[in-house]
Amino acid sequence: MKGLLKNNFYATLSNAKVFAVIMLLLGIFVVAIDKKDTSLIIGYMLLAMIGFSFNSIASLRKESNGKWSKYKLTTPVKRSAIVQSYFLSLLLWLVVGMAFAGIGAALSIMLHGFPFDRNTDIFMLFVAGVGISLFMGAIFFPLFYMGGEERNEVFLVISLLCGIGLVMGLTTLINTLFPAPMTATQILLGGAIIFVCALLAFVISCPITAYIYHKKEY
């Protein structure tokens, strides 16, 4: 598993370096501006979490182009381990994205004060970013092995849109269950519901993807 994770890391590293530089420059811009409008920091935090996760699963295309995905099957590793390594890699890059988002938000708050109306808003931003990333991965990996590697770009867009749609749908449902004005406890509970649903989808998707991959012939 360690070798698979290392391979996934290097497959993602080149794109991640470019994206990290962009996020660093964008973070400096976002933090430097004294603003009452929170749209910049919100966009930055979501972009960091979703962007690094997106880069992680986009790296599968590089393996397909180099035929490494087929050569890998000749090595003494199980297909289930290969699938698990992709899921773990996404989680690792999601943590990197969360670190960028957290550092950016912390520096902005230190320089300009707390920009949100409620303390729970930061929590909900992390829930949204993590939820979209987990749903995106949960949808993409089965589609990738079921629909064919040549449709990678289409599946990336579909999974991202579905991830956003699922988080928005759950948010709408929670707003229906807890009409405004919501208490801090209700907001935290709603965020926990979104996170648990996304995590369950991600965890369940792993054995489903492994099953699809096991049945796939090359």
N, C-alpha and C. Protein backbone atom coordinates (compact mmCIF):
# COMPACT_ATOMS: atom_id res chain seq x y z
N MET A 1 0.83 -1.21 0.00
CA MET A 1 0.00 0.00 0.00
C MET A 1 0.87 1.27 0.00
N LYS A 2 2.00 1.20 0.73
CA LYS A 2 2.87 2.36 0.78
C LYS A 2 3.38 2.74 -0.61
N GLY A 3 3.76 1.71 -1.40
CA GLY A 3 4.23 1.96 -2.75
C GLY A 3 3.15 2.55 -3.65
N LEU A 4 1.91 2.07 -3.49
CA LEU A 4 0.80 2.60 -4.28
C LEU A 4 0.53 4.06 -3.93
N LEU A 5 0.56 4.36 -2.64
CA LEU A 5 0.33 5.74 -2.21
C LEU A 5 1.44 6.67 -2.72
N LYS A 6 2.67 6.17 -2.70
CA LYS A 6 3.79 6.97 -3.21
C LYS A 6 3.63 7.21 -4.70
N ASN A 7 3.20 6.19 -5.43
CA ASN A 7 2.97 6.34 -6.87
C ASN A 7 1.88 7.37 -7.14
N ASN A 8 0.79 7.30 -6.38
CA ASN A 8 -0.31 8.26 -6.55
C ASN A 8 0.14 9.67 -6.21
N PHE A 9 1.00 9.77 -5.20
CA PHE A 9 1.50 11.08 -4.78
C PHE A 9 2.30 11.73 -5.90
N TYR A 10 3.22 10.98 -6.50
CA TYR A 10 4.04 11.53 -7.56
C TYR A 10 3.23 11.80 -8.83
N ALA A 11 2.17 11.01 -9.05
CA ALA A 11 1.32 11.25 -10.21
C ALA A 11 0.56 12.56 -10.09
N THR A 12 0.27 12.95 -8.85
CA THR A 12 -0.49 14.18 -8.60
C THR A 12 0.41 15.37 -8.37
N LEU A 13 1.66 15.12 -8.01
CA LEU A 13 2.54 16.17 -7.50
C LEU A 13 2.74 17.34 -8.46
N SER A 14 2.95 17.05 -9.75
CA SER A 14 3.24 18.14 -10.70
C SER A 14 2.08 19.12 -10.78
N ASN A 15 0.87 18.61 -10.93
CA ASN A 15 -0.29 19.50 -10.97
C ASN A 15 -0.53 20.17 -9.63
N ALA A 16 -0.29 19.43 -8.54
CA ALA A 16 -0.52 19.98 -7.21
C ALA A 16 0.44 21.13 -6.92
N LYS A 17 1.69 21.04 -7.41
CA LYS A 17 2.65 22.12 -7.21
C LYS A 17 2.17 23.41 -7.87
N VAL A 18 1.70 23.29 -9.11
CA VAL A 18 1.19 24.46 -9.82
C VAL A 18 -0.02 25.04 -9.10
N PHE A 19 -0.92 24.16 -8.69
CA PHE A 19 -2.12 24.62 -7.99
C PHE A 19 -1.77 25.25 -6.65
N ALA A 20 -0.77 24.68 -5.96
CA ALA A 20 -0.36 25.22 -4.67
C ALA A 20 0.21 26.63 -4.82
N VAL A 21 0.99 26.85 -5.86
CA VAL A 21 1.55 28.19 -6.12
C VAL A 21 0.41 29.19 -6.39
N ILE A 22 -0.55 28.75 -7.20
CA ILE A 22 -1.70 29.62 -7.48
C ILE A 22 -2.47 29.95 -6.20
N MET A 23 -2.67 28.92 -5.37
CA MET A 23 -3.40 29.14 -4.12
C MET A 23 -2.62 30.02 -3.16
N LEU A 24 -1.29 29.89 -3.17
CA LEU A 24 -0.46 30.73 -2.32
C LEU A 24 -0.58 32.20 -2.73
N LEU A 25 -0.46 32.47 -4.02
CA LEU A 25 -0.59 33.84 -4.51
C LEU A 25 -1.98 34.39 -4.28
N LEU A 26 -2.99 33.54 -4.54
CA LEU A 26 -4.37 33.96 -4.32
C LEU A 26 -4.62 34.21 -2.84
N GLY A 27 -4.01 33.35 -1.98
CA GLY A 27 -4.17 33.53 -0.54
C GLY A 27 -3.58 34.84 -0.06
N ILE A 28 -2.42 35.21 -0.59
CA ILE A 28 -1.81 36.50 -0.23
C ILE A 28 -2.74 37.65 -0.61
N PHE A 29 -3.32 37.56 -1.79
CA PHE A 29 -4.24 38.60 -2.25
C PHE A 29 -5.48 38.67 -1.36
N VAL A 30 -6.05 37.51 -1.05
CA VAL A 30 -7.28 37.46 -0.24
C VAL A 30 -7.01 37.98 1.17
N VAL A 31 -5.89 37.56 1.76
CA VAL A 31 -5.57 37.96 3.13
C VAL A 31 -5.22 39.45 3.21
N ALA A 32 -4.57 39.98 2.17
CA ALA A 32 -4.10 41.37 2.21
C ALA A 32 -5.23 42.38 2.12
N ILE A 33 -6.35 41.98 1.54
CA ILE A 33 -7.44 42.92 1.33
C ILE A 33 -8.31 43.00 2.58
N ASP A 34 -8.48 44.21 3.10
CA ASP A 34 -9.39 44.44 4.22
C ASP A 34 -10.78 44.59 3.66
N LYS A 35 -11.65 43.67 3.98
CA LYS A 35 -12.94 43.63 3.30
C LYS A 35 -14.08 43.29 4.26
N LYS A 36 -15.23 43.82 3.94
CA LYS A 36 -16.44 43.43 4.65
C LYS A 36 -17.16 42.32 3.89
N ASP A 37 -16.94 42.27 2.59
CA ASP A 37 -17.53 41.22 1.77
C ASP A 37 -16.77 39.92 2.00
N THR A 38 -17.48 38.88 2.37
CA THR A 38 -16.84 37.60 2.71
C THR A 38 -16.72 36.67 1.51
N SER A 39 -17.14 37.09 0.34
CA SER A 39 -17.16 36.20 -0.81
C SER A 39 -15.77 35.71 -1.19
N LEU A 40 -14.74 36.57 -1.04
CA LEU A 40 -13.39 36.18 -1.40
C LEU A 40 -12.85 35.06 -0.52
N ILE A 41 -12.99 35.20 0.78
CA ILE A 41 -12.47 34.18 1.69
C ILE A 41 -13.28 32.89 1.58
N ILE A 42 -14.58 33.03 1.33
CA ILE A 42 -15.42 31.84 1.13
C ILE A 42 -14.97 31.09 -0.12
N GLY A 43 -14.80 31.83 -1.21
CA GLY A 43 -14.36 31.21 -2.46
C GLY A 43 -12.99 30.58 -2.33
N TYR A 44 -12.09 31.26 -1.60
CA TYR A 44 -10.73 30.74 -1.44
C TYR A 44 -10.74 29.43 -0.67
N MET A 45 -11.49 29.37 0.41
CA MET A 45 -11.52 28.17 1.25
C MET A 45 -12.11 26.98 0.49
N LEU A 46 -13.20 27.22 -0.22
CA LEU A 46 -13.82 26.14 -0.98
C LEU A 46 -12.92 25.67 -2.12
N LEU A 47 -12.29 26.64 -2.80
CA LEU A 47 -11.40 26.30 -3.91
C LEU A 47 -10.22 25.47 -3.44
N ALA A 48 -9.67 25.79 -2.28
CA ALA A 48 -8.53 25.05 -1.75
C ALA A 48 -8.89 23.60 -1.49
N MET A 49 -9.99 23.38 -0.80
CA MET A 49 -10.37 22.01 -0.44
C MET A 49 -10.79 21.19 -1.66
N ILE A 50 -11.64 21.77 -2.49
CA ILE A 50 -12.14 21.04 -3.66
C ILE A 50 -11.04 20.90 -4.71
N GLY A 51 -10.22 21.94 -4.88
CA GLY A 51 -9.20 21.93 -5.92
C GLY A 51 -8.15 20.85 -5.73
N PHE A 52 -7.63 20.71 -4.51
CA PHE A 52 -6.63 19.67 -4.27
C PHE A 52 -7.23 18.28 -4.43
N SER A 53 -8.47 18.10 -4.00
CA SER A 53 -9.14 16.81 -4.18
C SER A 53 -9.36 16.52 -5.66
N PHE A 54 -9.73 17.55 -6.41
CA PHE A 54 -9.95 17.41 -7.84
C PHE A 54 -8.66 16.99 -8.54
N ASN A 55 -7.55 17.61 -8.16
CA ASN A 55 -6.26 17.24 -8.74
C ASN A 55 -5.90 15.80 -8.46
N SER A 56 -6.28 15.33 -7.28
CA SER A 56 -5.96 13.96 -6.90
C SER A 56 -6.61 12.95 -7.83
N ILE A 57 -7.90 13.12 -8.10
CA ILE A 57 -8.59 12.15 -8.95
C ILE A 57 -8.31 12.39 -10.43
N ALA A 58 -7.94 13.62 -10.78
CA ALA A 58 -7.60 13.91 -12.17
C ALA A 58 -6.30 13.21 -12.58
N SER A 59 -5.47 12.85 -11.60
CA SER A 59 -4.20 12.20 -11.92
C SER A 59 -4.37 10.81 -12.51
N LEU A 60 -5.55 10.22 -12.36
CA LEU A 60 -5.80 8.90 -12.95
C LEU A 60 -5.66 8.94 -14.47
N ARG A 61 -5.96 10.07 -15.06
CA ARG A 61 -5.84 10.21 -16.51
C ARG A 61 -4.38 10.07 -16.95
N LYS A 62 -3.46 10.59 -16.13
CA LYS A 62 -2.05 10.49 -16.45
C LYS A 62 -1.59 9.03 -16.47
N GLU A 63 -2.10 8.24 -15.53
CA GLU A 63 -1.76 6.82 -15.50
C GLU A 63 -2.32 6.10 -16.72
N SER A 64 -3.51 6.48 -17.14
CA SER A 64 -4.14 5.84 -18.30
C SER A 64 -3.35 6.15 -19.56
N ASN A 65 -2.92 7.40 -19.70
CA ASN A 65 -2.15 7.78 -20.89
C ASN A 65 -0.82 7.04 -20.96
N GLY A 66 -0.20 6.80 -19.80
CA GLY A 66 1.07 6.10 -19.77
C GLY A 66 0.95 4.59 -19.69
N LYS A 67 -0.28 4.07 -19.74
CA LYS A 67 -0.54 2.63 -19.67
C LYS A 67 -0.09 2.01 -18.35
N TRP A 68 0.26 2.86 -17.36
CA TRP A 68 0.70 2.33 -16.08
C TRP A 68 -0.43 1.61 -15.35
N SER A 69 -1.68 2.05 -15.58
CA SER A 69 -2.82 1.42 -14.93
C SER A 69 -2.94 -0.05 -15.31
N LYS A 70 -2.49 -0.40 -16.53
CA LYS A 70 -2.52 -1.80 -16.96
C LYS A 70 -1.29 -2.56 -16.47
N TYR A 71 -0.12 -1.90 -16.53
CA TYR A 71 1.09 -2.55 -16.06
C TYR A 71 1.02 -2.84 -14.56
N LYS A 72 0.31 -2.00 -13.85
CA LYS A 72 0.20 -2.16 -12.41
C LYS A 72 -0.44 -3.50 -12.04
N LEU A 73 -1.31 -4.00 -12.92
CA LEU A 73 -1.99 -5.26 -12.64
C LEU A 73 -1.05 -6.46 -12.70
N THR A 74 0.11 -6.29 -13.31
CA THR A 74 1.08 -7.38 -13.38
C THR A 74 1.95 -7.45 -12.13
N THR A 75 1.86 -6.46 -11.28
CA THR A 75 2.63 -6.43 -10.04
C THR A 75 1.87 -7.19 -8.95
N PRO A 76 2.55 -7.62 -7.90
CA PRO A 76 1.88 -8.40 -6.84
C PRO A 76 1.05 -7.54 -5.89
N VAL A 77 0.05 -6.86 -6.44
CA VAL A 77 -0.88 -6.08 -5.62
C VAL A 77 -2.30 -6.45 -6.01
N LYS A 78 -3.19 -6.39 -5.04
CA LYS A 78 -4.59 -6.69 -5.30
C LYS A 78 -5.29 -5.46 -5.90
N ARG A 79 -6.31 -5.74 -6.69
CA ARG A 79 -7.07 -4.63 -7.27
C ARG A 79 -7.75 -3.82 -6.17
N SER A 80 -8.18 -4.47 -5.12
CA SER A 80 -8.83 -3.75 -4.03
C SER A 80 -7.85 -2.78 -3.38
N ALA A 81 -6.56 -3.18 -3.29
CA ALA A 81 -5.55 -2.29 -2.71
C ALA A 81 -5.31 -1.08 -3.60
N ILE A 82 -5.35 -1.30 -4.91
CA ILE A 82 -5.18 -0.18 -5.85
C ILE A 82 -6.30 0.84 -5.67
N VAL A 83 -7.53 0.33 -5.57
CA VAL A 83 -8.68 1.23 -5.37
C VAL A 83 -8.57 1.96 -4.04
N GLN A 84 -8.24 1.23 -2.98
CA GLN A 84 -8.12 1.86 -1.66
C GLN A 84 -7.06 2.95 -1.66
N SER A 85 -5.98 2.74 -2.42
CA SER A 85 -4.92 3.75 -2.47
C SER A 85 -5.43 5.06 -3.08
N TYR A 86 -6.32 4.97 -4.07
CA TYR A 86 -6.87 6.18 -4.67
C TYR A 86 -7.76 6.93 -3.69
N PHE A 87 -8.56 6.18 -2.94
CA PHE A 87 -9.43 6.81 -1.95
C PHE A 87 -8.60 7.47 -0.85
N LEU A 88 -7.56 6.79 -0.40
CA LEU A 88 -6.70 7.36 0.64
C LEU A 88 -5.94 8.58 0.11
N SER A 89 -5.52 8.53 -1.13
CA SER A 89 -4.81 9.67 -1.72
C SER A 89 -5.70 10.90 -1.77
N LEU A 90 -6.95 10.70 -2.13
CA LEU A 90 -7.88 11.84 -2.14
C LEU A 90 -8.00 12.45 -0.75
N LEU A 91 -8.09 11.59 0.27
CA LEU A 91 -8.19 12.09 1.64
C LEU A 91 -6.95 12.88 2.04
N LEU A 92 -5.78 12.39 1.64
CA LEU A 92 -4.53 13.08 1.98
C LEU A 92 -4.46 14.46 1.32
N TRP A 93 -4.85 14.55 0.05
CA TRP A 93 -4.82 15.84 -0.63
C TRP A 93 -5.93 16.75 -0.13
N LEU A 94 -7.04 16.17 0.33
CA LEU A 94 -8.10 16.97 0.95
C LEU A 94 -7.59 17.62 2.22
N VAL A 95 -6.78 16.89 2.99
CA VAL A 95 -6.18 17.47 4.20
C VAL A 95 -5.27 18.64 3.85
N VAL A 96 -4.51 18.50 2.75
CA VAL A 96 -3.67 19.61 2.29
C VAL A 96 -4.53 20.83 1.95
N GLY A 97 -5.63 20.59 1.25
CA GLY A 97 -6.54 21.68 0.92
C GLY A 97 -7.15 22.32 2.15
N MET A 98 -7.48 21.50 3.15
CA MET A 98 -8.02 22.03 4.40
C MET A 98 -6.98 22.89 5.12
N ALA A 99 -5.71 22.49 5.02
CA ALA A 99 -4.64 23.27 5.64
C ALA A 99 -4.52 24.64 4.98
N PHE A 100 -4.55 24.68 3.65
CA PHE A 100 -4.52 25.96 2.93
C PHE A 100 -5.71 26.83 3.34
N ALA A 101 -6.89 26.22 3.37
CA ALA A 101 -8.10 26.96 3.72
C ALA A 101 -8.03 27.48 5.15
N GLY A 102 -7.58 26.63 6.07
CA GLY A 102 -7.50 27.03 7.47
C GLY A 102 -6.48 28.14 7.70
N ILE A 103 -5.32 28.03 7.07
CA ILE A 103 -4.29 29.05 7.23
C ILE A 103 -4.76 30.38 6.64
N GLY A 104 -5.38 30.32 5.47
CA GLY A 104 -5.88 31.53 4.85
C GLY A 104 -6.93 32.22 5.71
N ALA A 105 -7.87 31.44 6.24
CA ALA A 105 -8.92 32.00 7.09
C ALA A 105 -8.33 32.57 8.38
N ALA A 106 -7.38 31.84 8.99
CA ALA A 106 -6.78 32.30 10.24
C ALA A 106 -6.03 33.61 10.07
N LEU A 107 -5.24 33.72 8.99
CA LEU A 107 -4.49 34.95 8.75
C LEU A 107 -5.43 36.12 8.47
N SER A 108 -6.49 35.86 7.72
CA SER A 108 -7.46 36.92 7.43
C SER A 108 -8.13 37.42 8.70
N ILE A 109 -8.47 36.50 9.58
CA ILE A 109 -9.12 36.87 10.85
C ILE A 109 -8.14 37.64 11.74
N MET A 110 -6.89 37.19 11.77
CA MET A 110 -5.88 37.88 12.60
C MET A 110 -5.66 39.31 12.14
N LEU A 111 -5.68 39.55 10.83
CA LEU A 111 -5.39 40.88 10.30
C LEU A 111 -6.61 41.80 10.29
N HIS A 112 -7.78 41.23 10.01
CA HIS A 112 -8.95 42.07 9.77
C HIS A 112 -10.14 41.79 10.69
N GLY A 113 -9.99 40.83 11.58
CA GLY A 113 -11.11 40.50 12.45
C GLY A 113 -12.00 39.42 11.83
N PHE A 114 -12.94 38.97 12.61
CA PHE A 114 -13.82 37.89 12.16
C PHE A 114 -14.85 38.45 11.17
N PRO A 115 -14.87 37.95 9.92
CA PRO A 115 -15.70 38.58 8.89
C PRO A 115 -17.13 38.03 8.80
N PHE A 116 -17.40 36.94 9.52
CA PHE A 116 -18.71 36.28 9.37
C PHE A 116 -19.67 36.70 10.47
N ASP A 117 -20.95 36.43 10.21
CA ASP A 117 -21.98 36.80 11.17
C ASP A 117 -21.98 35.88 12.39
N ARG A 118 -21.68 34.59 12.16
CA ARG A 118 -21.70 33.60 13.24
C ARG A 118 -20.38 32.84 13.27
N ASN A 119 -20.05 32.37 14.47
CA ASN A 119 -18.84 31.55 14.61
C ASN A 119 -18.98 30.23 13.86
N THR A 120 -20.21 29.77 13.66
CA THR A 120 -20.44 28.49 13.00
C THR A 120 -20.24 28.56 11.49
N ASP A 121 -20.11 29.76 10.94
CA ASP A 121 -19.97 29.90 9.49
C ASP A 121 -18.68 29.25 8.99
N ILE A 122 -17.61 29.39 9.75
CA ILE A 122 -16.34 28.77 9.38
C ILE A 122 -16.49 27.25 9.35
N PHE A 123 -17.15 26.72 10.36
CA PHE A 123 -17.39 25.28 10.43
C PHE A 123 -18.17 24.80 9.20
N MET A 124 -19.20 25.54 8.83
CA MET A 124 -20.03 25.14 7.69
C MET A 124 -19.27 25.23 6.38
N LEU A 125 -18.33 26.16 6.28
CA LEU A 125 -17.50 26.24 5.07
C LEU A 125 -16.63 25.00 4.92
N PHE A 126 -16.04 24.57 6.04
CA PHE A 126 -15.25 23.34 5.99
C PHE A 126 -16.13 22.14 5.68
N VAL A 127 -17.33 22.11 6.24
CA VAL A 127 -18.26 21.01 5.96
C VAL A 127 -18.60 20.98 4.47
N ALA A 128 -18.87 22.14 3.90
CA ALA A 128 -19.21 22.21 2.47
C ALA A 128 -18.05 21.75 1.60
N GLY A 129 -16.84 22.23 1.89
CA GLY A 129 -15.68 21.85 1.10
C GLY A 129 -15.37 20.37 1.21
N VAL A 130 -15.39 19.85 2.43
CA VAL A 130 -15.13 18.42 2.64
C VAL A 130 -16.25 17.58 2.04
N GLY A 131 -17.49 18.01 2.24
CA GLY A 131 -18.63 17.25 1.71
C GLY A 131 -18.60 17.15 0.20
N ILE A 132 -18.36 18.26 -0.48
CA ILE A 132 -18.29 18.25 -1.95
C ILE A 132 -17.15 17.34 -2.42
N SER A 133 -16.00 17.42 -1.76
CA SER A 133 -14.85 16.61 -2.15
C SER A 133 -15.12 15.12 -1.97
N LEU A 134 -15.73 14.74 -0.85
CA LEU A 134 -16.02 13.34 -0.59
C LEU A 134 -17.08 12.80 -1.54
N PHE A 135 -18.13 13.56 -1.74
CA PHE A 135 -19.17 13.14 -2.70
C PHE A 135 -18.59 13.03 -4.11
N MET A 136 -17.72 13.97 -4.47
CA MET A 136 -17.10 13.95 -5.78
C MET A 136 -16.30 12.67 -5.98
N GLY A 137 -15.50 12.31 -5.00
CA GLY A 137 -14.72 11.08 -5.09
C GLY A 137 -15.59 9.85 -5.11
N ALA A 138 -16.63 9.85 -4.28
CA ALA A 138 -17.52 8.70 -4.20
C ALA A 138 -18.23 8.43 -5.52
N ILE A 139 -18.50 9.48 -6.27
CA ILE A 139 -19.18 9.33 -7.56
C ILE A 139 -18.20 9.05 -8.68
N PHE A 140 -17.04 9.71 -8.64
CA PHE A 140 -16.09 9.59 -9.74
C PHE A 140 -15.49 8.20 -9.89
N PHE A 141 -14.99 7.62 -8.81
CA PHE A 141 -14.25 6.37 -8.93
C PHE A 141 -15.06 5.22 -9.53
N PRO A 142 -16.31 4.99 -9.10
CA PRO A 142 -17.10 3.94 -9.77
C PRO A 142 -17.34 4.25 -11.24
N LEU A 143 -17.63 5.52 -11.56
CA LEU A 143 -17.86 5.90 -12.96
C LEU A 143 -16.61 5.67 -13.79
N PHE A 144 -15.45 5.97 -13.22
CA PHE A 144 -14.19 5.85 -13.94
C PHE A 144 -13.95 4.40 -14.37
N TYR A 145 -14.17 3.47 -13.47
CA TYR A 145 -13.91 2.06 -13.80
C TYR A 145 -15.07 1.42 -14.56
N MET A 146 -16.25 1.96 -14.40
CA MET A 146 -17.40 1.39 -15.08
C MET A 146 -17.55 1.94 -16.50
N GLY A 147 -17.26 3.21 -16.69
CA GLY A 147 -17.51 3.85 -17.98
C GLY A 147 -16.34 3.92 -18.92
N GLY A 148 -15.13 3.66 -18.41
CA GLY A 148 -13.97 3.70 -19.29
C GLY A 148 -13.08 4.89 -19.02
N GLU A 149 -11.78 4.67 -19.10
CA GLU A 149 -10.80 5.70 -18.76
C GLU A 149 -10.80 6.86 -19.75
N GLU A 150 -11.25 6.60 -20.99
CA GLU A 150 -11.23 7.67 -22.00
C GLU A 150 -12.27 8.75 -21.72
N ARG A 151 -13.21 8.48 -20.82
CA ARG A 151 -14.23 9.47 -20.47
C ARG A 151 -13.90 10.18 -19.16
N ASN A 152 -12.65 10.17 -18.81
CA ASN A 152 -12.21 10.71 -17.53
C ASN A 152 -12.67 12.15 -17.30
N GLU A 153 -12.47 13.02 -18.31
CA GLU A 153 -12.81 14.44 -18.15
C GLU A 153 -14.30 14.64 -17.93
N VAL A 154 -15.11 13.89 -18.67
CA VAL A 154 -16.57 14.00 -18.51
C VAL A 154 -16.98 13.57 -17.11
N PHE A 155 -16.41 12.46 -16.64
CA PHE A 155 -16.75 11.96 -15.31
C PHE A 155 -16.30 12.91 -14.22
N LEU A 156 -15.18 13.60 -14.45
CA LEU A 156 -14.71 14.59 -13.48
C LEU A 156 -15.74 15.71 -13.31
N VAL A 157 -16.22 16.21 -14.42
CA VAL A 157 -17.20 17.31 -14.38
C VAL A 157 -18.50 16.83 -13.75
N ILE A 158 -18.95 15.63 -14.16
CA ILE A 158 -20.19 15.09 -13.61
C ILE A 158 -20.09 14.90 -12.11
N SER A 159 -18.98 14.32 -11.66
CA SER A 159 -18.83 14.05 -10.23
C SER A 159 -18.74 15.34 -9.42
N LEU A 160 -18.06 16.36 -9.97
CA LEU A 160 -17.97 17.64 -9.27
C LEU A 160 -19.34 18.30 -9.16
N LEU A 161 -20.08 18.32 -10.27
CA LEU A 161 -21.42 18.91 -10.24
C LEU A 161 -22.36 18.15 -9.31
N CYS A 162 -22.25 16.82 -9.32
CA CYS A 162 -23.09 16.01 -8.43
C CYS A 162 -22.72 16.27 -6.97
N GLY A 163 -21.42 16.41 -6.69
CA GLY A 163 -21.00 16.70 -5.32
C GLY A 163 -21.56 18.02 -4.83
N ILE A 164 -21.48 19.04 -5.69
CA ILE A 164 -22.05 20.35 -5.33
C ILE A 164 -23.56 20.24 -5.15
N GLY A 165 -24.21 19.53 -6.07
CA GLY A 165 -25.66 19.39 -5.99
C GLY A 165 -26.12 18.66 -4.75
N LEU A 166 -25.38 17.62 -4.35
CA LEU A 166 -25.76 16.85 -3.16
C LEU A 166 -25.62 17.69 -1.89
N VAL A 167 -24.55 18.45 -1.80
CA VAL A 167 -24.36 19.31 -0.62
C VAL A 167 -25.43 20.39 -0.58
N MET A 168 -25.74 20.97 -1.73
CA MET A 168 -26.79 21.99 -1.78
C MET A 168 -28.15 21.38 -1.44
N GLY A 169 -28.40 20.16 -1.94
CA GLY A 169 -29.66 19.50 -1.64
C GLY A 169 -29.81 19.18 -0.16
N LEU A 170 -28.73 18.68 0.45
CA LEU A 170 -28.77 18.40 1.89
C LEU A 170 -28.93 19.69 2.70
N THR A 171 -28.29 20.75 2.24
CA THR A 171 -28.43 22.04 2.92
C THR A 171 -29.87 22.54 2.87
N THR A 172 -30.50 22.38 1.71
CA THR A 172 -31.91 22.77 1.56
C THR A 172 -32.80 21.93 2.47
N LEU A 173 -32.52 20.64 2.55
CA LEU A 173 -33.30 19.76 3.42
C LEU A 173 -33.14 20.15 4.88
N ILE A 174 -31.93 20.47 5.29
CA ILE A 174 -31.69 20.87 6.68
C ILE A 174 -32.37 22.19 6.99
N ASN A 175 -32.35 23.12 6.02
CA ASN A 175 -33.05 24.40 6.23
C ASN A 175 -34.56 24.20 6.36
N THR A 176 -35.07 23.15 5.72
CA THR A 176 -36.49 22.82 5.85
C THR A 176 -36.79 22.21 7.21
N LEU A 177 -35.87 21.37 7.68
CA LEU A 177 -36.06 20.72 8.99
C LEU A 177 -35.91 21.71 10.13
N PHE A 178 -34.98 22.66 9.97
CA PHE A 178 -34.73 23.65 11.01
C PHE A 178 -34.97 25.05 10.43
N PRO A 179 -36.21 25.52 10.47
CA PRO A 179 -36.51 26.84 9.89
C PRO A 179 -35.72 27.95 10.58
N ALA A 180 -35.47 29.02 9.82
CA ALA A 180 -34.74 30.17 10.36
C ALA A 180 -35.60 30.88 11.41
N PRO A 181 -34.96 31.50 12.40
CA PRO A 181 -33.50 31.54 12.63
C PRO A 181 -33.02 30.26 13.32
N MET A 182 -31.97 29.67 12.79
CA MET A 182 -31.42 28.45 13.35
C MET A 182 -30.48 28.76 14.50
N THR A 183 -30.53 27.93 15.53
CA THR A 183 -29.61 28.09 16.65
C THR A 183 -28.25 27.51 16.27
N ALA A 184 -27.24 27.83 17.06
CA ALA A 184 -25.90 27.30 16.80
C ALA A 184 -25.89 25.78 16.85
N THR A 185 -26.66 25.22 17.79
CA THR A 185 -26.73 23.76 17.91
C THR A 185 -27.33 23.14 16.67
N GLN A 186 -28.38 23.76 16.14
CA GLN A 186 -29.02 23.24 14.92
C GLN A 186 -28.08 23.34 13.72
N ILE A 187 -27.32 24.41 13.64
CA ILE A 187 -26.36 24.57 12.54
C ILE A 187 -25.28 23.50 12.61
N LEU A 188 -24.76 23.28 13.81
CA LEU A 188 -23.74 22.25 13.99
C LEU A 188 -24.29 20.87 13.67
N LEU A 189 -25.54 20.62 14.06
CA LEU A 189 -26.17 19.34 13.77
C LEU A 189 -26.36 19.16 12.27
N GLY A 190 -26.78 20.23 11.62
CA GLY A 190 -26.95 20.18 10.17
C GLY A 190 -25.63 19.91 9.46
N GLY A 191 -24.56 20.57 9.92
CA GLY A 191 -23.25 20.33 9.34
C GLY A 191 -22.79 18.90 9.55
N ALA A 192 -23.08 18.37 10.75
CA ALA A 192 -22.71 16.98 11.05
C ALA A 192 -23.45 16.01 10.14
N ILE A 193 -24.70 16.31 9.84
CA ILE A 193 -25.49 15.45 8.95
C ILE A 193 -24.88 15.42 7.56
N ILE A 194 -24.51 16.59 7.04
CA ILE A 194 -23.89 16.66 5.72
C ILE A 194 -22.58 15.89 5.70
N PHE A 195 -21.76 16.08 6.72
CA PHE A 195 -20.46 15.40 6.78
C PHE A 195 -20.62 13.89 6.86
N VAL A 196 -21.53 13.43 7.70
CA VAL A 196 -21.74 11.98 7.86
C VAL A 196 -22.25 11.37 6.56
N CYS A 197 -23.18 12.05 5.89
CA CYS A 197 -23.71 11.53 4.62
C CYS A 197 -22.60 11.44 3.57
N ALA A 198 -21.77 12.47 3.49
CA ALA A 198 -20.67 12.47 2.52
C ALA A 198 -19.65 11.38 2.85
N LEU A 199 -19.33 11.23 4.14
CA LEU A 199 -18.36 10.22 4.55
C LEU A 199 -18.90 8.82 4.29
N LEU A 200 -20.17 8.58 4.58
CA LEU A 200 -20.77 7.28 4.31
C LEU A 200 -20.74 6.95 2.82
N ALA A 201 -21.09 7.94 2.00
CA ALA A 201 -21.05 7.73 0.55
C ALA A 201 -19.64 7.39 0.09
N PHE A 202 -18.66 8.07 0.65
CA PHE A 202 -17.26 7.84 0.29
C PHE A 202 -16.81 6.44 0.71
N VAL A 203 -17.16 6.04 1.92
CA VAL A 203 -16.76 4.73 2.43
C VAL A 203 -17.44 3.61 1.66
N ILE A 204 -18.74 3.77 1.38
CA ILE A 204 -19.48 2.74 0.65
C ILE A 204 -19.00 2.62 -0.79
N SER A 205 -18.59 3.74 -1.36
CA SER A 205 -18.14 3.75 -2.74
C SER A 205 -16.87 2.92 -2.95
N CYS A 206 -16.04 2.81 -1.91
CA CYS A 206 -14.76 2.11 -2.04
C CYS A 206 -14.94 0.64 -2.40
N PRO A 207 -15.72 -0.16 -1.63
CA PRO A 207 -15.90 -1.57 -2.03
C PRO A 207 -16.68 -1.72 -3.33
N ILE A 208 -17.58 -0.79 -3.62
CA ILE A 208 -18.32 -0.85 -4.89
C ILE A 208 -17.35 -0.66 -6.05
N THR A 209 -16.45 0.32 -5.92
CA THR A 209 -15.45 0.56 -6.96
C THR A 209 -14.51 -0.64 -7.11
N ALA A 210 -14.11 -1.22 -5.98
CA ALA A 210 -13.23 -2.39 -6.03
C ALA A 210 -13.92 -3.56 -6.74
N TYR A 211 -15.22 -3.72 -6.51
CA TYR A 211 -15.97 -4.79 -7.17
C TYR A 211 -16.03 -4.56 -8.68
N ILE A 212 -16.31 -3.32 -9.08
CA ILE A 212 -16.36 -2.98 -10.51
C ILE A 212 -15.00 -3.21 -11.16
N TYR A 213 -13.96 -2.80 -10.48
CA TYR A 213 -12.59 -2.96 -11.00
C TYR A 213 -12.22 -4.44 -11.10
N HIS A 214 -12.66 -5.22 -10.13
CA HIS A 214 -12.36 -6.66 -10.13
C HIS A 214 -13.00 -7.35 -11.34
N LYS A 215 -14.17 -6.89 -11.73
CA LYS A 215 -14.89 -7.50 -12.86
C LYS A 215 -14.42 -6.97 -14.20
N LYS A 216 -13.65 -5.89 -14.18
CA LYS A 216 -13.23 -5.26 -15.44
C LYS A 216 -12.08 -6.05 -16.05
N GLU A 217 -12.16 -6.26 -17.37
CA GLU A 217 -11.11 -6.99 -18.07
C GLU A 217 -10.34 -6.03 -18.98
N TYR A 218 -9.03 -6.24 -19.10
CA TYR A 218 -8.18 -5.41 -19.96
C TYR A 218 -7.59 -6.26 -21.08
